[in-house]
Protein backbone atom coordinates (compact mmCIF):
# COMPACT_ATOMS: atom_id res chain seq x y z
CA UNK A 1 112.52 56.94 80.94
CA UNK A 2 111.66 59.30 78.50
CA UNK A 3 109.39 58.69 75.74
CA UNK A 4 109.82 58.79 72.13
CA UNK A 5 108.65 61.78 70.02
CA UNK A 6 106.04 61.46 67.26
CA UNK A 7 108.32 62.14 64.35
CA UNK A 8 111.13 59.95 65.97
CA UNK A 9 108.92 56.74 65.59
CA UNK A 10 107.14 58.16 62.56
CA UNK A 11 110.83 58.23 60.56
CA UNK A 12 111.63 54.71 62.03
CA UNK A 13 108.42 53.66 60.41
CA UNK A 14 108.33 54.97 57.41
CA UNK A 15 112.23 53.95 57.25
CA UNK A 16 111.44 50.43 57.93
CA UNK A 17 108.00 50.25 55.51
CA UNK A 18 110.19 51.38 52.60
CA UNK A 19 112.84 49.26 53.21
CA UNK A 20 110.21 46.59 53.27
CA UNK A 21 108.73 47.78 50.99
CA UNK A 22 111.85 48.15 48.49
CA UNK A 23 112.91 44.66 49.31
CA UNK A 24 109.84 43.04 48.88
CA UNK A 25 108.83 44.63 45.27
CA UNK A 26 112.82 44.41 44.34
CA UNK A 27 112.49 40.64 45.00
CA UNK A 28 109.29 40.67 42.99
CA UNK A 29 111.05 41.98 40.30
CA UNK A 30 113.87 39.63 40.35
CA UNK A 31 111.70 36.70 40.52
CA UNK A 32 109.67 37.91 37.44
CA UNK A 33 112.74 38.80 35.81
CA UNK A 34 114.00 35.18 36.25
CA UNK A 35 111.11 33.80 34.99
CA UNK A 36 110.42 35.93 32.13
CA UNK A 37 113.89 35.46 31.53
CA UNK A 38 113.72 31.48 31.79
CA UNK A 39 110.59 31.46 29.30
CA UNK A 40 112.93 33.51 26.49
CA UNK A 41 115.58 31.35 26.98
CA UNK A 42 113.50 28.46 26.38
CA UNK A 43 111.61 29.88 23.39
CA UNK A 44 114.99 30.81 21.87
CA UNK A 45 116.14 27.43 22.64
CA UNK A 46 113.70 25.33 20.89
CA UNK A 47 113.90 27.72 18.17
CA UNK A 48 117.64 26.87 17.71
CA UNK A 49 117.13 22.93 18.03
CA UNK A 50 114.18 23.32 15.55
CA UNK A 51 116.43 24.53 12.67
CA UNK A 52 119.41 22.13 13.01
CA UNK A 53 116.74 19.50 13.63
CA UNK A 54 115.43 20.97 9.69
CA UNK A 55 118.74 20.98 7.81
CA UNK A 56 119.19 18.38 5.73
CA UNK A 57 122.56 17.45 6.44
CA UNK A 58 121.76 16.44 9.99
CA UNK A 59 118.91 14.32 8.85
CA UNK A 60 120.67 12.47 6.20
CA UNK A 61 123.94 11.61 8.54
CA UNK A 62 121.85 10.68 12.04
CA UNK A 63 122.56 7.27 12.24
CA UNK A 64 124.95 7.11 9.58
CA UNK A 65 128.90 5.30 10.09
CA UNK A 66 130.94 8.77 10.45
CA UNK A 67 128.11 10.64 10.67
CA UNK A 68 130.11 13.38 13.42
CA UNK A 69 132.66 14.62 10.93
CA UNK A 70 129.22 16.66 9.06
CA UNK A 71 127.14 16.97 11.96
CA UNK A 72 129.99 18.29 14.64
CA UNK A 73 130.87 21.14 12.45
CA UNK A 74 127.85 22.24 11.73
CA UNK A 75 126.34 21.79 15.11
CA UNK A 76 129.40 23.99 16.92
CA UNK A 77 128.88 26.44 14.12
CA UNK A 78 125.80 27.21 15.20
CA UNK A 79 126.32 26.49 18.86
CA UNK A 80 129.25 29.41 18.32
CA UNK A 81 126.68 31.56 16.53
CA UNK A 82 123.72 31.74 18.78
CA UNK A 83 125.83 32.07 21.79
CA UNK A 84 124.01 28.98 23.54
CA UNK A 85 125.75 26.55 26.04
CA UNK A 86 125.84 23.16 23.25
CA UNK A 87 124.43 21.65 20.69
CA UNK A 88 123.53 17.84 20.58
CA UNK A 89 122.72 15.44 18.06
CA UNK A 90 122.15 12.08 19.18
CA UNK A 91 120.18 9.10 17.28
CA UNK A 92 117.40 6.55 18.43
CA UNK A 93 120.58 4.56 20.82
CA UNK A 94 121.16 8.07 22.30
CA UNK A 95 124.64 8.03 20.50
CA UNK A 96 125.98 11.57 20.16
CA UNK A 97 127.06 12.88 16.61
CA UNK A 98 127.74 16.54 18.57
CA UNK A 99 129.08 17.51 21.81
CA UNK A 100 131.21 20.83 22.84
CA UNK A 101 133.62 18.50 24.51
CA UNK A 102 134.37 16.52 21.36
CA UNK A 103 135.46 13.02 23.13
CA UNK A 104 131.81 12.79 24.24
CA UNK A 105 131.44 12.14 20.68
CA UNK A 106 130.07 8.62 20.19
CA UNK A 107 128.88 8.09 24.08
CA UNK A 108 125.70 7.78 25.00
CA UNK A 109 123.39 10.78 26.25
CA UNK A 110 122.55 10.40 29.63
CA UNK A 111 120.48 13.03 30.81
CA UNK A 112 117.14 11.42 32.60
CA UNK A 113 114.69 13.69 30.70
CA UNK A 114 114.82 12.69 27.42
CA UNK A 115 112.85 9.76 27.10
CA UNK A 116 110.02 11.57 25.86
CA UNK A 117 111.71 13.10 22.53
CA UNK A 118 112.02 9.73 21.15
CA UNK A 119 108.23 9.63 20.72
CA UNK A 120 108.56 12.20 18.30
CA UNK A 121 107.53 14.99 21.06
CA UNK A 122 109.53 18.44 21.53
CA UNK A 123 109.49 19.98 25.23
CA UNK A 124 111.86 22.44 27.01
CA UNK A 125 112.92 20.80 30.35
CA UNK A 126 114.84 22.48 32.95
CA UNK A 127 118.15 20.55 34.09
CA UNK A 128 120.46 20.73 36.85
CA UNK A 129 124.25 20.30 35.38
CA UNK A 130 128.03 21.05 36.37
CA UNK A 131 127.50 24.58 35.73
CA UNK A 132 124.63 25.12 37.52
CA UNK A 133 121.02 24.98 36.02
CA UNK A 134 119.96 25.16 32.10
CA UNK A 135 117.26 25.33 29.91
CA UNK A 136 117.40 22.75 27.24
CA UNK A 137 114.98 22.06 24.02
CA UNK A 138 114.64 18.46 22.61
CA UNK A 139 113.23 18.51 18.98
CA UNK A 140 112.61 15.06 17.08
CA UNK A 141 115.09 14.42 14.23
CA UNK A 142 112.88 12.92 11.29
CA UNK A 143 114.02 11.54 8.29
CA UNK A 144 113.80 13.46 4.61
CA UNK A 145 110.38 12.02 3.99
CA UNK A 146 109.46 12.96 8.03
CA UNK A 147 107.93 9.51 8.17
CA UNK A 148 110.41 8.39 10.59
CA UNK A 149 112.15 9.97 13.26
CA UNK A 150 116.18 9.18 13.07
CA UNK A 151 117.03 11.20 16.23
CA UNK A 152 116.88 14.02 18.54
CA UNK A 153 118.26 17.92 18.52
CA UNK A 154 119.34 18.96 22.21
CA UNK A 155 120.17 22.24 22.81
CA UNK A 156 121.02 23.80 25.95
CA UNK A 157 121.37 27.54 27.48
CA UNK A 158 122.90 27.94 31.05
CA UNK A 159 120.16 29.60 33.52
CA UNK A 160 121.77 33.23 35.14
CA UNK A 161 121.48 32.79 38.84
CA UNK A 162 119.58 34.76 41.09
CA UNK A 163 123.11 36.03 42.60
CA UNK A 164 123.89 36.75 39.68
CA UNK A 165 120.77 38.95 38.39
CA UNK A 166 120.69 41.26 42.08
CA UNK A 167 124.67 42.04 40.82
CA UNK A 168 123.40 42.61 37.66
CA UNK A 169 120.63 45.37 39.18
CA UNK A 170 122.11 46.13 42.39
CA UNK A 171 122.32 49.78 41.26
CA UNK A 172 119.17 50.21 40.21
CA UNK A 173 118.04 48.35 43.86
CA UNK A 174 120.47 50.78 46.02
CA UNK A 175 119.15 54.10 43.87
CA UNK A 176 115.55 53.11 44.54
CA UNK A 177 116.27 52.22 48.27
CA UNK A 178 117.98 55.96 48.49
CA UNK A 179 115.41 57.47 46.83
CA UNK A 180 112.29 55.43 48.64
CA UNK A 181 114.01 56.66 52.17
CA UNK A 182 114.55 60.39 51.34
CA UNK A 183 110.92 60.47 50.01
CA UNK A 184 110.02 58.71 53.25
CA UNK A 185 111.79 60.75 55.62
CA UNK A 186 110.93 63.74 54.35
CA UNK A 187 106.64 62.89 54.09
CA UNK A 188 107.28 60.94 57.90
CA UNK A 189 108.39 64.56 58.80
CA UNK A 190 105.77 66.57 56.78
CA UNK A 191 102.80 64.64 58.22
CA UNK A 192 104.56 64.09 62.21
CA UNK A 193 104.44 68.23 61.52
CA UNK A 194 100.93 68.53 60.50
CA UNK A 195 99.91 65.69 63.04
CA UNK A 196 101.53 68.00 66.05
CA UNK A 197 99.77 71.07 64.79
CA UNK A 198 96.40 69.56 64.86
CA UNK A 199 96.67 68.06 68.19
CA UNK A 200 98.02 71.52 69.44
CA UNK A 201 101.53 70.18 69.60
CA UNK A 202 101.35 67.37 71.85
CA UNK A 203 102.52 63.99 71.65
CA UNK A 204 100.19 60.55 71.49
CA UNK A 205 101.00 59.83 75.05
CA UNK A 206 100.32 63.37 76.57
CA UNK A 207 96.86 63.04 74.51
CA UNK A 208 96.41 59.92 76.47
CA UNK A 209 97.32 60.95 79.29
CA UNK A 210 95.11 64.35 79.16
CA UNK A 211 91.91 62.43 78.16
CA UNK A 212 92.60 59.51 80.81
CA UNK A 213 92.65 62.00 83.31
CA UNK A 214 90.08 64.63 82.01
CA UNK A 215 87.54 61.19 81.78
CA UNK A 216 88.48 60.41 85.45
CA UNK A 217 87.86 64.13 86.49
CA UNK A 218 84.41 63.75 84.85
CA UNK A 219 83.60 60.64 86.63
CA UNK A 220 84.54 61.75 89.95
CA UNK A 221 82.17 64.76 89.45
CA UNK A 222 78.95 64.42 92.39
CA UNK A 223 76.79 65.36 88.97
CA UNK A 224 76.07 63.97 86.41
CA UNK A 225 77.95 65.86 83.29
CA UNK A 226 77.02 65.31 79.22
CA UNK A 227 78.15 66.45 76.24
CA UNK A 228 76.71 66.80 72.71
CA UNK A 229 78.05 67.88 69.42
CA UNK A 230 76.65 70.87 67.12
CA UNK A 231 73.15 68.56 66.23
CA UNK A 232 72.36 67.00 69.97
CA UNK A 233 73.73 64.07 69.55
CA UNK A 234 75.41 62.42 72.87
CA UNK A 235 78.77 62.30 73.05
CA UNK A 236 80.33 61.78 76.63
CA UNK A 237 78.32 60.99 79.71
CA UNK A 238 79.59 60.48 83.46
CA UNK A 239 78.47 57.75 85.63
CA UNK A 240 75.75 59.96 86.99
CA UNK A 241 74.61 60.74 84.01
CA UNK A 242 74.15 57.41 83.35
CA UNK A 243 72.59 56.50 86.29
CA UNK A 244 70.03 59.57 86.31
CA UNK A 245 68.88 58.61 82.97
CA UNK A 246 69.19 54.84 82.99
CA UNK A 247 71.07 54.61 79.90
CA UNK A 248 74.35 53.24 78.85
CA UNK A 249 74.40 54.08 75.29
CA UNK A 250 77.06 56.66 74.75
CA UNK A 251 75.96 57.78 71.21
CA UNK A 252 72.02 58.48 71.65
CA UNK A 253 70.49 61.73 70.73
CA UNK A 254 69.40 64.12 73.16
CA UNK A 255 65.70 63.99 71.89
CA UNK A 256 65.46 60.34 72.77
CA UNK A 257 67.34 60.42 76.28
CA UNK A 258 65.28 63.33 77.27
CA UNK A 259 61.92 62.64 75.25
CA UNK A 260 59.09 65.66 75.02
CA UNK A 261 60.96 67.99 77.56
CA UNK A 262 62.30 71.47 76.98
CA UNK A 263 65.94 70.12 76.59
CA UNK A 264 64.94 67.86 73.86
CA UNK A 265 63.30 70.64 71.59
CA UNK A 266 66.14 73.28 71.90
CA UNK A 267 68.91 70.36 71.45
CA UNK A 268 70.52 72.08 67.82
CA UNK A 269 70.96 75.49 69.40
CA UNK A 270 71.52 75.88 73.04
CA UNK A 271 71.96 79.36 74.97
CA UNK A 272 73.18 79.28 78.34
CA UNK A 273 70.93 78.37 80.90
CA UNK A 274 71.40 77.67 84.76
CA UNK A 275 69.54 75.16 87.28
CA UNK A 276 66.38 75.20 85.01
CA UNK A 277 64.23 72.26 86.44
CA UNK A 278 63.70 69.12 84.55
CA UNK A 279 61.73 66.18 84.86
CA UNK A 280 63.55 62.59 84.39
CA UNK A 281 62.36 58.90 85.16
CA UNK A 282 59.94 60.83 87.82
CA UNK A 283 62.85 62.95 89.59
CA UNK A 284 63.52 66.54 89.51
CA UNK A 285 67.11 67.78 88.41
CA UNK A 286 68.33 70.89 87.91
CA UNK A 287 69.83 71.66 84.28
CA UNK A 288 72.74 73.84 83.82
CA UNK A 289 73.77 74.30 79.65
CA UNK A 290 76.88 75.63 78.56
CA UNK A 291 77.49 76.22 74.71
CA UNK A 292 81.06 75.28 73.70
CA UNK A 293 82.58 77.35 71.15
CA UNK A 294 85.89 76.62 69.57
CA UNK A 295 87.19 79.13 67.31
CA UNK A 296 83.97 81.01 67.30
CA UNK A 297 82.07 78.13 66.01
CA UNK A 298 79.16 76.25 68.11
CA UNK A 299 80.79 72.41 68.35
CA UNK A 300 78.21 71.60 70.94
CA UNK A 301 76.95 72.00 74.42
CA UNK A 302 78.35 70.71 78.31
CA UNK A 303 75.57 69.98 80.53
CA UNK A 304 75.15 69.05 84.30
CA UNK A 305 72.38 67.08 85.91
CA UNK A 306 72.06 67.82 89.85
CA UNK A 307 69.42 66.46 91.49
CA UNK A 308 66.97 69.27 92.60
CA UNK A 309 66.12 67.33 95.75
CA UNK A 310 69.74 67.49 96.77
CA UNK A 311 70.33 70.69 95.80
CA UNK A 312 67.44 71.77 97.84
CA UNK A 313 69.15 70.10 101.06
CA UNK A 314 72.32 72.16 101.29
CA UNK A 315 69.91 75.25 100.37
CA UNK A 316 68.26 74.59 103.36
CA UNK A 317 70.80 74.63 105.00
CA UNK A 318 72.56 77.66 103.95
CA UNK A 319 69.01 79.24 103.71
CA UNK A 320 68.57 78.84 107.23
CA UNK A 321 71.98 79.79 108.30
CA UNK A 322 71.21 83.10 106.26
CA UNK A 323 67.77 83.57 107.62
CA UNK A 324 68.81 83.20 111.42
CA UNK A 325 71.85 85.77 110.63
CA UNK A 326 69.51 88.54 108.90
CA UNK A 327 67.05 88.02 111.82
CA UNK A 328 69.07 88.19 114.33
CA UNK A 329 70.49 91.48 112.76
CA UNK A 330 67.30 93.03 112.58
CA UNK A 331 65.82 91.80 116.04
CA UNK A 332 69.36 93.05 117.73
CA UNK A 333 68.54 96.69 115.59
CA UNK A 334 65.02 97.04 116.97
CA UNK A 335 65.73 95.72 119.89
CA UNK A 336 68.46 98.21 120.23
CA UNK A 337 65.81 100.94 119.53
CA UNK A 338 63.34 99.90 122.11
CA UNK A 339 65.94 99.90 125.24
CA UNK A 340 66.63 103.32 124.09
CA UNK A 341 63.00 103.87 124.66
CA UNK A 342 62.67 102.25 127.78
CA UNK A 343 66.04 103.56 128.98
CA UNK A 344 64.95 107.26 128.16
CA UNK A 345 61.27 106.65 129.80
CA UNK A 346 62.91 105.53 133.14
CA UNK A 347 65.57 108.71 133.55
CA UNK A 348 62.20 110.53 133.32
CA UNK A 349 60.75 108.72 135.82
CA UNK A 350 57.93 107.44 133.62
CA UNK A 351 58.60 103.53 134.36
CA UNK A 352 55.04 102.56 134.20
CA UNK A 353 55.56 103.85 130.39
CA UNK A 354 58.74 102.05 129.86
CA UNK A 355 56.97 98.92 131.37
CA UNK A 356 53.63 99.09 129.10
CA UNK A 357 56.23 98.95 126.15
CA UNK A 358 57.72 96.12 127.39
CA UNK A 359 54.51 94.09 128.16
CA UNK A 360 53.31 95.30 124.46
CA UNK A 361 56.05 94.02 122.78
CA UNK A 362 56.03 90.72 124.40
CA UNK A 363 52.43 90.13 123.52
CA UNK A 364 52.79 91.33 120.36
CA UNK A 365 56.07 89.16 119.09
CA UNK A 366 54.57 86.00 121.55
CA UNK A 367 50.78 86.38 119.41
CA UNK A 368 53.01 86.56 116.04
CA UNK A 369 55.16 83.63 117.16
CA UNK A 370 52.40 81.37 118.20
CA UNK A 371 50.04 82.04 115.17
CA UNK A 372 52.73 80.93 112.96
CA UNK A 373 53.80 78.09 114.79
CA UNK A 374 49.97 77.36 114.80
CA UNK A 375 49.79 77.66 110.95
CA UNK A 376 53.03 77.08 109.54
CA UNK A 377 54.32 73.27 109.60
CA UNK A 378 57.57 73.62 107.81
CA UNK A 379 60.26 74.65 110.39
CA UNK A 380 62.08 76.42 107.42
CA UNK A 381 59.44 78.68 106.25
CA UNK A 382 58.55 79.94 109.48
CA UNK A 383 61.79 80.50 110.64
CA UNK A 384 62.26 82.81 107.10
CA UNK A 385 58.54 84.44 107.87
CA UNK A 386 60.08 85.40 111.48
CA UNK A 387 62.92 86.32 109.73
CA UNK A 388 61.77 88.82 106.87
CA UNK A 389 59.03 89.94 109.84
CA UNK A 390 62.17 91.33 111.75
CA UNK A 391 63.55 92.62 108.26
CA UNK A 392 60.43 94.72 107.78
CA UNK A 393 60.54 96.51 111.28
CA UNK A 394 64.10 97.22 110.40
CA UNK A 395 62.90 98.98 107.13
CA UNK A 396 60.07 100.57 108.57
CA UNK A 397 57.72 98.43 106.38
CA UNK A 398 54.25 97.67 107.93
CA UNK A 399 54.63 93.02 106.92
CA UNK A 400 51.27 91.80 107.36
CA UNK A 401 50.76 87.96 107.33
CA UNK A 402 47.19 87.25 106.29
CA UNK A 403 45.38 85.64 109.72
CA UNK A 404 43.57 82.97 106.94
CA UNK A 405 47.33 82.00 105.58
CA UNK A 406 47.98 78.20 106.29
CA UNK A 407 50.89 75.95 105.25
CA UNK A 408 49.77 72.41 106.58
CA UNK A 409 52.61 70.48 104.04
CA UNK A 410 54.77 70.86 101.51
CA UNK A 411 53.33 70.20 97.97
CA UNK A 412 54.40 67.48 95.98
CA UNK A 413 57.15 67.93 93.25
CA UNK A 414 58.24 70.89 95.97
CA UNK A 415 60.79 70.99 98.79
CA UNK A 416 60.76 73.06 101.43
CA UNK A 417 64.03 74.89 100.22
CA UNK A 418 61.66 75.54 96.67
CA UNK A 419 59.09 77.41 99.32
CA UNK A 420 62.08 79.29 100.67
CA UNK A 421 63.09 80.47 97.33
CA UNK A 422 59.07 81.04 96.64
CA UNK A 423 58.68 83.14 99.51
CA UNK A 424 61.81 84.35 100.18
CA UNK A 425 62.19 86.12 96.75
CA UNK A 426 58.90 87.27 96.40
CA UNK A 427 58.86 88.85 99.98
CA UNK A 428 62.70 90.25 99.48
CA UNK A 429 61.22 91.41 96.41
CA UNK A 430 57.82 93.69 97.64
CA UNK A 431 60.18 95.11 100.57
CA UNK A 432 62.90 96.21 98.17
CA UNK A 433 59.41 97.73 95.84
CA UNK A 434 58.30 100.17 98.53
CA UNK A 435 61.64 100.81 100.60
CA UNK A 436 61.43 104.80 99.61
CA UNK A 437 57.92 105.25 99.37
CA UNK A 438 55.89 107.17 101.99
CA UNK A 439 53.63 104.22 102.52
CA UNK A 440 55.56 101.15 103.45
CA UNK A 441 53.25 98.33 103.77
CA UNK A 442 53.23 94.32 102.59
CA UNK A 443 51.00 91.60 103.03
CA UNK A 444 51.53 87.98 102.60
CA UNK A 445 48.93 85.38 102.20
CA UNK A 446 49.89 81.79 101.93
CA UNK A 447 47.72 78.82 101.37
CA UNK A 448 49.47 75.19 100.87
CA UNK A 449 49.05 71.66 101.19
CA UNK A 450 50.41 68.22 99.89
CA UNK A 451 47.88 69.09 96.74
CA UNK A 452 47.84 72.73 95.87
CA UNK A 453 49.49 75.68 96.90
CA UNK A 454 48.96 79.23 96.63
CA UNK A 455 50.55 82.43 97.60
CA UNK A 456 49.63 86.62 97.25
CA UNK A 457 51.91 88.72 98.14
CA UNK A 458 50.99 92.86 97.58
CA UNK A 459 53.28 95.70 98.26
CA UNK A 460 52.64 99.35 98.39
CA UNK A 461 55.51 99.73 95.98
CA UNK A 462 56.55 102.30 92.92
CA UNK A 463 54.82 99.63 90.35
CA UNK A 464 56.07 97.43 87.23
CA UNK A 465 56.79 99.01 83.99
CA UNK A 466 55.20 96.79 81.11
CA UNK A 467 52.95 95.45 83.74
CA UNK A 468 56.16 93.07 84.90
CA UNK A 469 56.86 91.37 81.68
CA UNK A 470 60.51 91.07 82.08
CA UNK A 471 61.14 90.66 85.80
CA UNK A 472 61.21 87.11 85.61
CA UNK A 473 63.72 87.29 83.18
CA UNK A 474 67.41 85.74 84.22
CA UNK A 475 69.67 88.85 84.78
CA UNK A 476 66.73 91.54 84.26
CA UNK A 477 66.33 93.74 87.25
CA UNK A 478 65.79 97.52 88.00
CA UNK A 479 68.17 98.01 90.71
CA UNK A 480 71.85 97.99 90.00
CA UNK A 481 74.65 95.86 91.46
CA UNK A 482 76.03 92.03 91.00
CA UNK A 483 73.89 89.42 91.53
CA UNK A 484 70.94 91.13 90.69
CA UNK A 485 68.20 89.38 88.34
CA UNK A 486 68.26 85.75 89.76
CA UNK A 487 65.61 85.93 92.70
CA UNK A 488 62.86 86.20 90.45
CA UNK A 489 63.99 84.09 87.49
CA UNK A 490 64.51 81.09 90.15
CA UNK A 491 60.93 81.65 91.27
CA UNK A 492 59.21 81.31 87.80
CA UNK A 493 61.19 78.56 87.12
CA UNK A 494 59.98 76.50 90.16
CA UNK A 495 56.74 77.39 89.70
CA UNK A 496 56.68 76.29 86.05
CA UNK A 497 58.28 73.32 86.75
CA UNK A 498 54.93 72.14 88.84
CA UNK A 499 52.92 73.17 85.86
CA UNK A 500 51.74 76.41 88.19
CA UNK A 501 51.04 80.07 86.93
CA UNK A 502 52.61 83.46 88.30
CA UNK A 503 50.17 86.48 87.75
CA UNK A 504 51.07 90.20 88.28
CA UNK A 505 48.97 93.23 88.80
CA UNK A 506 50.49 96.53 89.03
CA UNK A 507 48.85 99.73 89.26
CA UNK A 508 51.98 102.83 89.28
CA UNK A 509 52.99 104.44 92.62
CA UNK A 510 49.69 102.67 93.87
CA UNK A 511 50.65 98.56 94.32
CA UNK A 512 51.88 95.28 92.85
CA UNK A 513 49.97 92.21 93.40
CA UNK A 514 51.62 88.96 92.64
CA UNK A 515 50.16 85.84 93.36
CA UNK A 516 51.35 82.12 92.22
CA UNK A 517 48.95 78.76 91.77
CA UNK A 518 49.64 75.58 91.51
CA UNK A 519 47.51 72.62 91.77
CA UNK A 520 43.62 72.58 92.54
CA UNK A 521 43.17 75.62 94.35
CA UNK A 522 40.72 75.32 97.18
CA UNK A 523 40.51 79.28 98.23
CA UNK A 524 41.67 82.30 96.80
């Protein structure tokens, strides 16, 4: 079944509203007119009755025998002149002395509302007769001296019916109805077109469906999602964001939701941020901030929250696979070179030299592996270091791991994924720095426990410009290619999230030393 468009809905509603308004206003107008007319006719009737009651001929002839011969002509003349329904004069015995129907002269007046007029009261009464409702004015007739009442004058005027008033004003009512409907139609079409433009030509039911679909998608995401306006006021939170922040109120300010954090301090002007660490309720999250611009004007921001521990579990899986692949590739390349050397020596009948190469290679490899197994407790880091050693051999780089190095445990607030990120990026950056140098060496020293972390990477590379002030900026790199300028930015985020320090010492074309210190350092 097709939906009714906004234009048709507004047209129908406007037509009903205008029709109802005009009918209501017309009814009120006719009723007010009827009441006003009733008051005017009452005033007219009582004025005529007073005039008749004050005539000397009327005063002198009421109660007299054959008085109707004088009173009837006078009353009829006044009735015809003033266009009233009747002018009746009767004495204190209710005997009529005038009436439009002469056969009723001499008969008793029986209106039922005349009793008060015998007590010298004048008043207006409304009564129903044969011709419909009429306004009747009762005025007492006093004698010539004005001391005794001798009779009553009654003037009656037929009230027009409501139907007759409607018929009389039907043209005006129809004119107002037609004009009202036309104006309502034009107005409704104008408003509907304006609303359609404001809603991107979407119908209300389409907007409702989009909102429901978008909300359902946001709620289904496996990350916390928040949206703010340009002032940092929260306007949307999905279920995970409410769970992470323990806040059910969708209208709080960002500074109240994340007090005393970098996110609260920057809530009035965001730039795009990727995977920046934030501590919330004793849990570390990775925050991504995306500015929202509409027609080149900032209207707010979209913020995503990912539990860093969950992200790192996935990263560890991916990093472990990548490290394994890199190690296998490097070892394959190195072993091929060794096999070529051994094959050549065997062809030259120098089997003893070939055997010495095999023994030396095995002994050296076993020594390094045993050292790392004894001093590095985390298998992800252990695998990374073995892979980097193979990578160094492939690049012809002398990669040395300080024999005083150890990793007893992963520091609090860090994960094995963080350690892989720190070491992997620092070592790979050192490799790239010295791969083009004549002297190629990289030295690693690591000392870590649950309370502290110390990492020092030294290379014989080309050195850093400006003593490395920009190397930790997101997207900054001295090398060309996509995906550059991210690794060391992640290193900085991880260290700063743990309130650690990064120290850089660099000499042009000689050496570069990068040191990371977090927590209480036991040994330098």
